[in-house]
């Protein structure tokens, strides 16, 4: 069966930084090829990618992942019918429980301070709903209570199987781009789960990476000359690395998750094209923000290889199983590009998975990346986003015609 898989390979150099740390404050790492590598978890980069969506997509195309889902729905209910504000949270709880089978309860107080305001009901785990799904649930709730604001009326409404089914359908349609890409788990209703269309690997340094420590002091501004010494001292761990980053998007799964275009003037593949372009740009340009104010480690990728495949995802991380040595003049980028330039054609030839030139793109910066020039069409970021979107649309149209 022919598939439509988008593979994204990135080489990015990050200076001294601590963009993703463990519970001890140390930069995350992993052993690969027998040596310790710098590592940035897939979760950290997926979060950064989702944050970047806010500047690339309209709010209605995105979702909300929160335990405070009752508050989120109550806001939608109140916005549509202000008279329901006093009972909006209670109504939201009943609707969400009917729609997802998830308990929405007021968390137990940790202290005994009676002056604390009452906490709002929350779910026991993060719930991921699109804004359109929240709007659909709000409209369903308002219609069910008929302007009475009576919670008992809503409870009776959801005792009917068909009404409960309507609520469940409301949270299982019109998925947002981020839900369609990264998936959703609803622990109490497996049928509401959404399989992720995007896979993001842990970023690994292509070379051995050591962790260093910075000893720092802070001066008390009001100390006098007779009060020597620092007002504060501490240490912070950091590392630096040339990272290999990889992500894959199952475009067919993405189309299933998003559904067809909802507008009559829109091609069926349009929602997928927009989602692919947004993911590609967000993944390439985002950066986890751990300790960013301390290190100012704002870098962009030096090299990007994008391939549109018809079989399965393929990572090139094995090119770096043997750690890349430092170049004669220092640095790891040049040798990393040479490794890929030698590894990729050989791998694809041996497995018979060569990608046509029109479905291979290379976006690179600097003469250190020159070795990659033969791996695909040379493009800028703007051209890459346009060409990949067009290629995806063509593949989906061809599949639909077949």
Protein backbone atom coordinates (compact mmCIF):
# COMPACT_ATOMS: atom_id res chain seq x y z
CA UNK A 1 0.00 0.00 0.00
CA UNK A 2 1.35 3.40 -1.00
CA UNK A 3 1.66 5.85 1.86
CA UNK A 4 2.49 9.53 2.08
CA UNK A 5 5.23 10.09 4.66
CA UNK A 6 7.08 13.34 5.22
CA UNK A 7 10.57 12.89 6.72
CA UNK A 8 12.34 15.91 8.23
CA UNK A 9 16.05 15.79 9.11
CA UNK A 10 17.80 18.71 10.80
CA UNK A 11 21.34 19.58 11.82
CA UNK A 12 21.39 22.39 14.36
CA UNK A 13 24.26 23.73 16.41
CA UNK A 14 23.41 24.93 19.91
CA UNK A 15 25.96 26.91 21.96
CA UNK A 16 26.41 26.59 25.75
CA UNK A 17 22.84 26.10 27.00
CA UNK A 18 20.49 24.02 29.12
CA UNK A 19 17.36 23.91 27.00
CA UNK A 20 16.00 20.65 28.44
CA UNK A 21 17.03 19.57 31.92
CA UNK A 22 16.32 16.60 34.16
CA UNK A 23 15.06 16.60 37.75
CA UNK A 24 18.53 17.59 39.04
CA UNK A 25 18.81 20.59 36.72
CA UNK A 26 21.39 18.89 34.50
CA UNK A 27 21.00 18.93 30.70
CA UNK A 28 19.45 15.69 29.53
CA UNK A 29 21.77 13.17 27.88
CA UNK A 30 21.82 9.64 26.48
CA UNK A 31 24.35 7.01 25.49
CA UNK A 32 24.45 6.21 21.80
CA UNK A 33 27.28 4.50 19.96
CA UNK A 34 28.95 3.88 23.31
CA UNK A 35 29.42 7.54 24.23
CA UNK A 36 27.39 10.12 26.10
CA UNK A 37 25.46 12.48 23.85
CA UNK A 38 23.56 15.67 24.50
CA UNK A 39 19.83 15.02 24.26
CA UNK A 40 16.70 17.11 23.96
CA UNK A 41 13.55 15.10 24.61
CA UNK A 42 10.87 14.77 21.98
CA UNK A 43 8.31 16.13 24.45
CA UNK A 44 10.32 19.34 24.89
CA UNK A 45 10.50 19.97 21.15
CA UNK A 46 6.86 19.05 20.58
CA UNK A 47 5.89 21.60 23.23
CA UNK A 48 8.05 24.23 21.51
CA UNK A 49 6.44 23.34 18.18
CA UNK A 50 2.95 23.68 19.62
CA UNK A 51 3.86 27.07 21.08
CA UNK A 52 5.10 28.18 17.65
CA UNK A 53 1.71 27.29 16.15
CA UNK A 54 0.24 30.29 17.96
CA UNK A 55 2.02 32.61 15.54
CA UNK A 56 1.30 30.50 12.46
CA UNK A 57 -2.32 29.40 12.80
CA UNK A 58 -5.57 31.08 13.90
CA UNK A 59 -6.83 30.24 17.42
CA UNK A 60 -9.79 28.26 16.08
CA UNK A 61 -7.36 25.82 14.40
CA UNK A 62 -5.71 24.93 17.72
CA UNK A 63 -6.64 23.03 20.84
CA UNK A 64 -6.37 23.43 24.61
CA UNK A 65 -4.66 20.80 26.77
CA UNK A 66 -5.54 21.29 30.42
CA UNK A 67 -6.94 19.79 33.61
CA UNK A 68 -9.05 22.96 33.93
CA UNK A 69 -11.24 21.79 31.10
CA UNK A 70 -14.44 22.64 33.03
CA UNK A 71 -13.33 26.26 33.28
CA UNK A 72 -12.53 26.30 29.56
CA UNK A 73 -15.98 25.01 28.66
CA UNK A 74 -17.69 27.29 31.19
CA UNK A 75 -16.08 30.29 29.48
CA UNK A 76 -17.56 29.17 26.15
CA UNK A 77 -20.99 28.68 27.69
CA UNK A 78 -20.92 32.13 29.31
CA UNK A 79 -19.71 33.77 26.10
CA UNK A 80 -22.70 32.34 24.24
CA UNK A 81 -25.28 32.90 27.00
CA UNK A 82 -24.28 35.32 29.76
CA UNK A 83 -27.34 34.46 31.85
CA UNK A 84 -25.82 31.03 32.57
CA UNK A 85 -22.65 32.41 34.15
CA UNK A 86 -23.63 31.53 37.80
CA UNK A 87 -24.00 27.84 36.92
CA UNK A 88 -21.70 27.61 33.92
CA UNK A 89 -19.04 25.53 35.69
CA UNK A 90 -21.62 23.05 37.02
CA UNK A 91 -23.15 22.71 33.57
CA UNK A 92 -19.70 22.24 32.04
CA UNK A 93 -18.88 19.45 34.49
CA UNK A 94 -22.04 17.51 33.63
CA UNK A 95 -21.49 17.90 29.89
CA UNK A 96 -17.85 16.86 30.01
CA UNK A 97 -18.57 13.82 32.14
CA UNK A 98 -21.27 12.74 29.70
CA UNK A 99 -19.01 13.36 26.70
CA UNK A 100 -15.81 11.71 27.96
CA UNK A 101 -16.75 9.51 30.97
CA UNK A 102 -14.04 11.41 32.85
CA UNK A 103 -14.57 12.46 36.45
CA UNK A 104 -14.39 16.23 36.88
CA UNK A 105 -14.05 16.96 40.61
CA UNK A 106 -12.94 19.71 42.96
CA UNK A 107 -9.40 18.79 44.13
CA UNK A 108 -8.96 18.13 47.82
CA UNK A 109 -7.44 20.98 49.79
CA UNK A 110 -3.86 20.46 50.87
CA UNK A 111 -4.16 23.01 53.66
CA UNK A 112 -6.85 24.00 56.14
CA UNK A 113 -7.07 27.70 55.33
CA UNK A 114 -10.79 28.42 55.08
CA UNK A 115 -10.06 31.86 53.63
CA UNK A 116 -8.81 30.32 50.40
CA UNK A 117 -11.26 30.69 47.49
CA UNK A 118 -12.97 27.48 46.45
CA UNK A 119 -11.06 25.58 43.79
CA UNK A 120 -12.65 24.88 40.44
CA UNK A 121 -13.35 21.28 39.39
CA UNK A 122 -10.55 19.66 37.39
CA UNK A 123 -9.96 16.39 35.58
CA UNK A 124 -7.45 13.91 36.99
CA UNK A 125 -5.31 14.15 33.85
CA UNK A 126 -4.69 16.61 31.04
CA UNK A 127 -7.50 16.68 28.50
CA UNK A 128 -6.95 17.86 24.94
CA UNK A 129 -9.92 19.45 23.14
CA UNK A 130 -10.08 21.70 20.13
CA UNK A 131 -11.69 25.09 20.46
CA UNK A 132 -14.32 24.00 17.94
CA UNK A 133 -15.11 20.97 20.09
CA UNK A 134 -15.50 23.19 23.14
CA UNK A 135 -17.83 25.46 21.17
CA UNK A 136 -19.88 22.46 20.04
CA UNK A 137 -20.22 21.25 23.64
CA UNK A 138 -21.21 24.74 24.78
CA UNK A 139 -23.96 24.96 22.16
CA UNK A 140 -25.18 21.49 23.06
CA UNK A 141 -25.33 22.43 26.76
CA UNK A 142 -27.21 25.67 26.18
CA UNK A 143 -29.75 23.95 23.97
CA UNK A 144 -30.25 21.16 26.51
CA UNK A 145 -31.04 23.46 29.46
CA UNK A 146 -33.28 25.69 27.33
CA UNK A 147 -32.27 28.88 29.14
CA UNK A 148 -33.32 27.54 32.54
CA UNK A 149 -29.85 27.12 33.94
CA UNK A 150 -31.11 24.06 35.79
CA UNK A 151 -28.33 21.48 36.27
CA UNK A 152 -30.91 18.76 37.00
CA UNK A 153 -32.46 19.36 33.59
CA UNK A 154 -29.05 18.75 32.02
CA UNK A 155 -28.52 15.58 34.06
CA UNK A 156 -31.86 14.24 32.88
CA UNK A 157 -30.97 15.21 29.32
CA UNK A 158 -27.84 13.06 29.35
CA UNK A 159 -29.65 10.03 30.78
CA UNK A 160 -30.96 9.51 27.26
CA UNK A 161 -28.51 7.46 25.24
CA UNK A 162 -28.90 9.49 22.05
CA UNK A 163 -28.11 12.76 23.87
CA UNK A 164 -24.99 11.29 25.44
CA UNK A 165 -23.96 10.02 22.00
CA UNK A 166 -24.31 13.55 20.61
CA UNK A 167 -21.97 14.85 23.32
CA UNK A 168 -19.39 12.17 22.56
CA UNK A 169 -19.58 12.90 18.86
CA UNK A 170 -18.97 16.57 19.59
CA UNK A 171 -15.54 15.78 21.07
CA UNK A 172 -14.65 13.28 18.35
CA UNK A 173 -15.03 15.55 15.32
CA UNK A 174 -13.42 18.77 14.07
CA UNK A 175 -10.04 17.99 15.61
CA UNK A 176 -7.59 20.87 15.83
CA UNK A 177 -4.27 20.81 13.97
CA UNK A 178 -2.27 20.07 17.12
CA UNK A 179 -4.56 17.20 18.15
CA UNK A 180 -4.40 15.77 14.62
CA UNK A 181 -0.60 15.95 14.62
CA UNK A 182 0.30 14.95 18.18
CA UNK A 183 -2.66 12.76 19.07
CA UNK A 184 -4.85 12.57 22.15
CA UNK A 185 -5.42 10.04 24.90
CA UNK A 186 -8.66 9.93 26.87
CA UNK A 187 -8.00 7.37 29.58
CA UNK A 188 -11.68 6.77 30.37
CA UNK A 189 -12.87 6.53 26.75
CA UNK A 190 -10.43 4.79 24.44
CA UNK A 191 -12.76 5.36 21.47
CA UNK A 192 -12.04 9.09 21.79
CA UNK A 193 -8.28 8.57 21.45
CA UNK A 194 -6.60 10.12 18.41
CA UNK A 195 -3.53 8.46 16.90
CA UNK A 196 -0.70 10.94 16.38
CA UNK A 197 0.16 11.71 12.75
CA UNK A 198 3.54 13.19 13.71
CA UNK A 199 6.46 11.43 15.34
CA UNK A 200 9.30 13.45 16.86
CA UNK A 201 12.57 11.78 17.85
CA UNK A 202 14.76 12.79 20.75
CA UNK A 203 17.39 15.15 19.37
CA UNK A 204 20.91 13.75 19.84
CA UNK A 205 24.32 15.32 19.46
CA UNK A 206 26.30 13.81 16.59
CA UNK A 207 29.37 13.73 18.82
CA UNK A 208 30.39 13.00 22.38
CA UNK A 209 29.16 15.78 24.64
CA UNK A 210 30.40 16.61 28.13
CA UNK A 211 28.46 18.53 30.75
CA UNK A 212 30.13 21.59 32.24
CA UNK A 213 29.25 23.73 35.26
CA UNK A 214 29.19 27.49 35.59
CA UNK A 215 29.90 28.98 39.01
CA UNK A 216 28.18 32.34 39.36
CA UNK A 217 27.71 35.07 41.95
CA UNK A 218 25.20 37.88 42.38
CA UNK A 219 25.94 41.18 44.05
CA UNK A 220 23.62 42.80 46.62
CA UNK A 221 23.05 46.31 45.23
CA UNK A 222 22.62 47.81 48.71
CA UNK A 223 25.81 46.37 50.20
CA UNK A 224 28.33 48.96 51.30
CA UNK A 225 32.10 48.87 50.79
CA UNK A 226 32.38 47.41 54.26
CA UNK A 227 30.21 44.45 53.33
CA UNK A 228 32.32 42.40 50.92
CA UNK A 229 31.22 39.17 49.36
CA UNK A 230 28.40 38.04 47.14
CA UNK A 231 24.73 38.24 47.98
CA UNK A 232 24.20 34.89 46.29
CA UNK A 233 26.31 32.13 44.77
CA UNK A 234 25.37 29.05 42.76
CA UNK A 235 26.18 26.75 39.88
CA UNK A 236 24.36 25.82 36.70
CA UNK A 237 25.12 22.91 34.38
CA UNK A 238 25.25 23.33 30.62
CA UNK A 239 26.52 21.74 27.43
CA UNK A 240 26.87 22.60 23.75
CA UNK A 241 26.24 20.38 20.76
CA UNK A 242 25.58 19.90 17.09
CA UNK A 243 22.24 18.09 17.18
CA UNK A 244 20.62 15.71 14.72
CA UNK A 245 16.86 16.21 14.90
CA UNK A 246 14.26 14.05 13.15
CA UNK A 247 10.50 14.09 12.72
CA UNK A 248 8.07 12.25 10.47
CA UNK A 249 4.49 13.07 9.50
CA UNK A 250 2.08 10.39 8.29
CA UNK A 251 0.14 12.61 5.90
CA UNK A 252 -2.57 10.02 5.35
CA UNK A 253 -3.20 9.75 9.11
CA UNK A 254 -3.21 13.53 9.33
CA UNK A 255 -5.90 13.72 6.66
CA UNK A 256 -7.99 11.14 8.49
CA UNK A 257 -7.66 13.09 11.74
CA UNK A 258 -8.52 16.44 10.19
CA UNK A 259 -11.18 15.22 7.80
CA UNK A 260 -11.98 16.90 4.51
CA UNK A 261 -12.17 20.64 3.98
CA UNK A 262 -15.19 22.18 5.67
CA UNK A 263 -15.52 25.10 3.27
CA UNK A 264 -17.08 24.75 -0.18
CA UNK A 265 -14.39 26.94 -1.76
CA UNK A 266 -11.57 24.82 -0.31
CA UNK A 267 -9.92 21.79 -1.89
CA UNK A 268 -10.23 18.58 0.18
CA UNK A 269 -6.47 18.57 0.78
CA UNK A 270 -6.32 22.22 1.93
CA UNK A 271 -6.52 21.54 5.70
CA UNK A 272 -3.71 18.98 5.39
CA UNK A 273 -1.54 21.34 3.33
CA UNK A 274 -1.91 24.06 5.95
CA UNK A 275 -1.18 21.66 8.80
CA UNK A 276 1.91 20.23 7.10
CA UNK A 277 3.29 23.69 6.32
CA UNK A 278 2.64 24.86 9.88
CA UNK A 279 4.31 21.80 11.39
CA UNK A 280 7.31 22.04 9.08
CA UNK A 281 7.91 25.72 9.82
CA UNK A 282 7.22 25.38 13.55
CA UNK A 283 9.45 22.32 13.97
CA UNK A 284 12.33 23.93 12.07
CA UNK A 285 12.24 27.34 13.72
CA UNK A 286 11.20 26.51 17.30
CA UNK A 287 13.52 25.95 20.24
CA UNK A 288 12.74 24.77 23.78
CA UNK A 289 13.10 27.73 26.13
CA UNK A 290 14.83 26.16 29.13
CA UNK A 291 17.29 28.64 30.69
CA UNK A 292 17.10 30.75 27.54
CA UNK A 293 17.39 34.01 29.52
CA UNK A 294 20.59 32.73 31.09
CA UNK A 295 22.28 31.55 27.88
CA UNK A 296 20.55 33.40 25.02
CA UNK A 297 21.04 30.32 22.84
CA UNK A 298 18.86 31.45 19.92
CA UNK A 299 20.01 29.45 16.90
CA UNK A 300 18.37 28.17 13.73
CA UNK A 301 19.15 24.98 11.79
CA UNK A 302 22.22 24.94 9.60
CA UNK A 303 20.92 22.19 7.34
CA UNK A 304 17.54 20.61 6.63
CA UNK A 305 16.70 17.60 4.44
CA UNK A 306 13.04 16.91 3.69
CA UNK A 307 11.84 13.85 1.81
CA UNK A 308 8.34 12.81 0.77
CA UNK A 309 8.24 9.00 0.84
CA UNK A 310 5.73 6.43 -0.29
CA UNK A 311 6.54 3.56 2.05
CA UNK A 312 7.65 4.22 5.63
CA UNK A 313 9.50 6.77 7.80
CA UNK A 314 13.31 6.54 7.71
CA UNK A 315 15.61 8.25 10.21
CA UNK A 316 19.25 8.92 9.34
CA UNK A 317 20.48 8.83 12.93
CA UNK A 318 22.54 5.69 12.21
CA UNK A 319 24.92 7.88 10.21
CA UNK A 320 26.11 9.16 13.60
CA UNK A 321 26.28 5.86 15.50
CA UNK A 322 30.06 6.37 15.36
CA UNK A 323 30.58 9.80 16.96
CA UNK A 324 31.63 12.52 14.57
CA UNK A 325 35.21 13.68 15.27
CA UNK A 326 36.08 17.32 15.63
CA UNK A 327 37.23 18.88 12.38
CA UNK A 328 40.83 20.09 11.87
CA UNK A 329 39.78 23.66 12.53
CA UNK A 330 37.21 22.71 15.17
CA UNK A 331 33.49 22.10 14.81
CA UNK A 332 31.34 19.13 13.89
CA UNK A 333 28.96 20.47 11.25
CA UNK A 334 31.11 19.96 8.15
CA UNK A 335 31.88 16.31 8.95
CA UNK A 336 28.24 15.69 9.91
CA UNK A 337 27.15 16.86 6.45
CA UNK A 338 29.74 14.64 4.81
CA UNK A 339 28.49 11.68 6.81
CA UNK A 340 24.92 12.26 5.64
CA UNK A 341 26.00 12.84 2.04
CA UNK A 342 27.68 9.42 2.02
CA UNK A 343 25.15 7.54 4.15
CA UNK A 344 21.80 8.61 2.67
CA UNK A 345 22.31 7.55 -1.00
CA UNK A 346 23.83 4.23 0.08
CA UNK A 347 21.01 3.47 2.51
CA UNK A 348 18.30 4.32 0.01
CA UNK A 349 19.98 2.37 -2.79
CA UNK A 350 20.48 -0.77 -0.70
CA UNK A 351 16.85 -0.80 0.45
CA UNK A 352 15.40 0.37 -2.85
CA UNK A 353 13.76 3.43 -1.31
CA UNK A 354 15.34 6.16 -3.44
CA UNK A 355 13.30 9.36 -3.36
CA UNK A 356 12.75 11.20 -6.67
CA UNK A 357 14.52 14.54 -6.96
CA UNK A 358 11.20 16.36 -7.09
CA UNK A 359 10.33 14.91 -3.67
CA UNK A 360 13.69 15.68 -2.00
CA UNK A 361 14.59 19.13 -0.73
CA UNK A 362 17.72 20.53 0.90
CA UNK A 363 17.73 23.79 2.82
CA UNK A 364 21.23 24.71 4.01
CA UNK A 365 23.25 27.63 5.30
CA UNK A 366 27.02 28.14 4.92
CA UNK A 367 29.77 26.41 3.00
CA UNK A 368 30.19 23.82 5.78
CA UNK A 369 26.96 22.22 4.52
CA UNK A 370 28.03 22.04 0.87
CA UNK A 371 28.31 18.24 0.91
CA UNK A 372 24.51 17.97 1.15
CA UNK A 373 23.88 19.80 -2.13
CA UNK A 374 23.40 16.57 -4.12
CA UNK A 375 20.71 15.16 -1.82
CA UNK A 376 17.83 17.24 -3.18
CA UNK A 377 16.56 20.45 -4.69
CA UNK A 378 18.21 23.53 -3.19
CA UNK A 379 15.54 25.72 -1.58
CA UNK A 380 14.97 28.53 0.90
CA UNK A 381 12.58 28.09 3.79
CA UNK A 382 9.80 29.94 1.96
CA UNK A 383 10.24 27.80 -1.14
CA UNK A 384 10.44 24.64 0.95
CA UNK A 385 7.09 25.32 2.60
CA UNK A 386 5.44 26.07 -0.75
CA UNK A 387 6.90 23.11 -2.64
CA UNK A 388 6.23 20.56 0.10
CA UNK A 389 2.62 21.74 0.37
CA UNK A 390 2.12 21.38 -3.37
CA UNK A 391 3.73 17.93 -3.43
CA UNK A 392 1.53 16.76 -0.56
CA UNK A 393 -1.60 18.03 -2.34
CA UNK A 394 -0.60 16.23 -5.54
CA UNK A 395 0.03 12.95 -3.74
CA UNK A 396 -3.29 13.12 -1.89
CA UNK A 397 -5.16 13.99 -5.10
CA UNK A 398 -3.51 11.08 -6.91
CA UNK A 399 -4.45 8.73 -4.08
CA UNK A 400 -8.05 9.94 -4.12
CA UNK A 401 -8.26 9.48 -7.89
CA UNK A 402 -6.90 5.95 -7.63
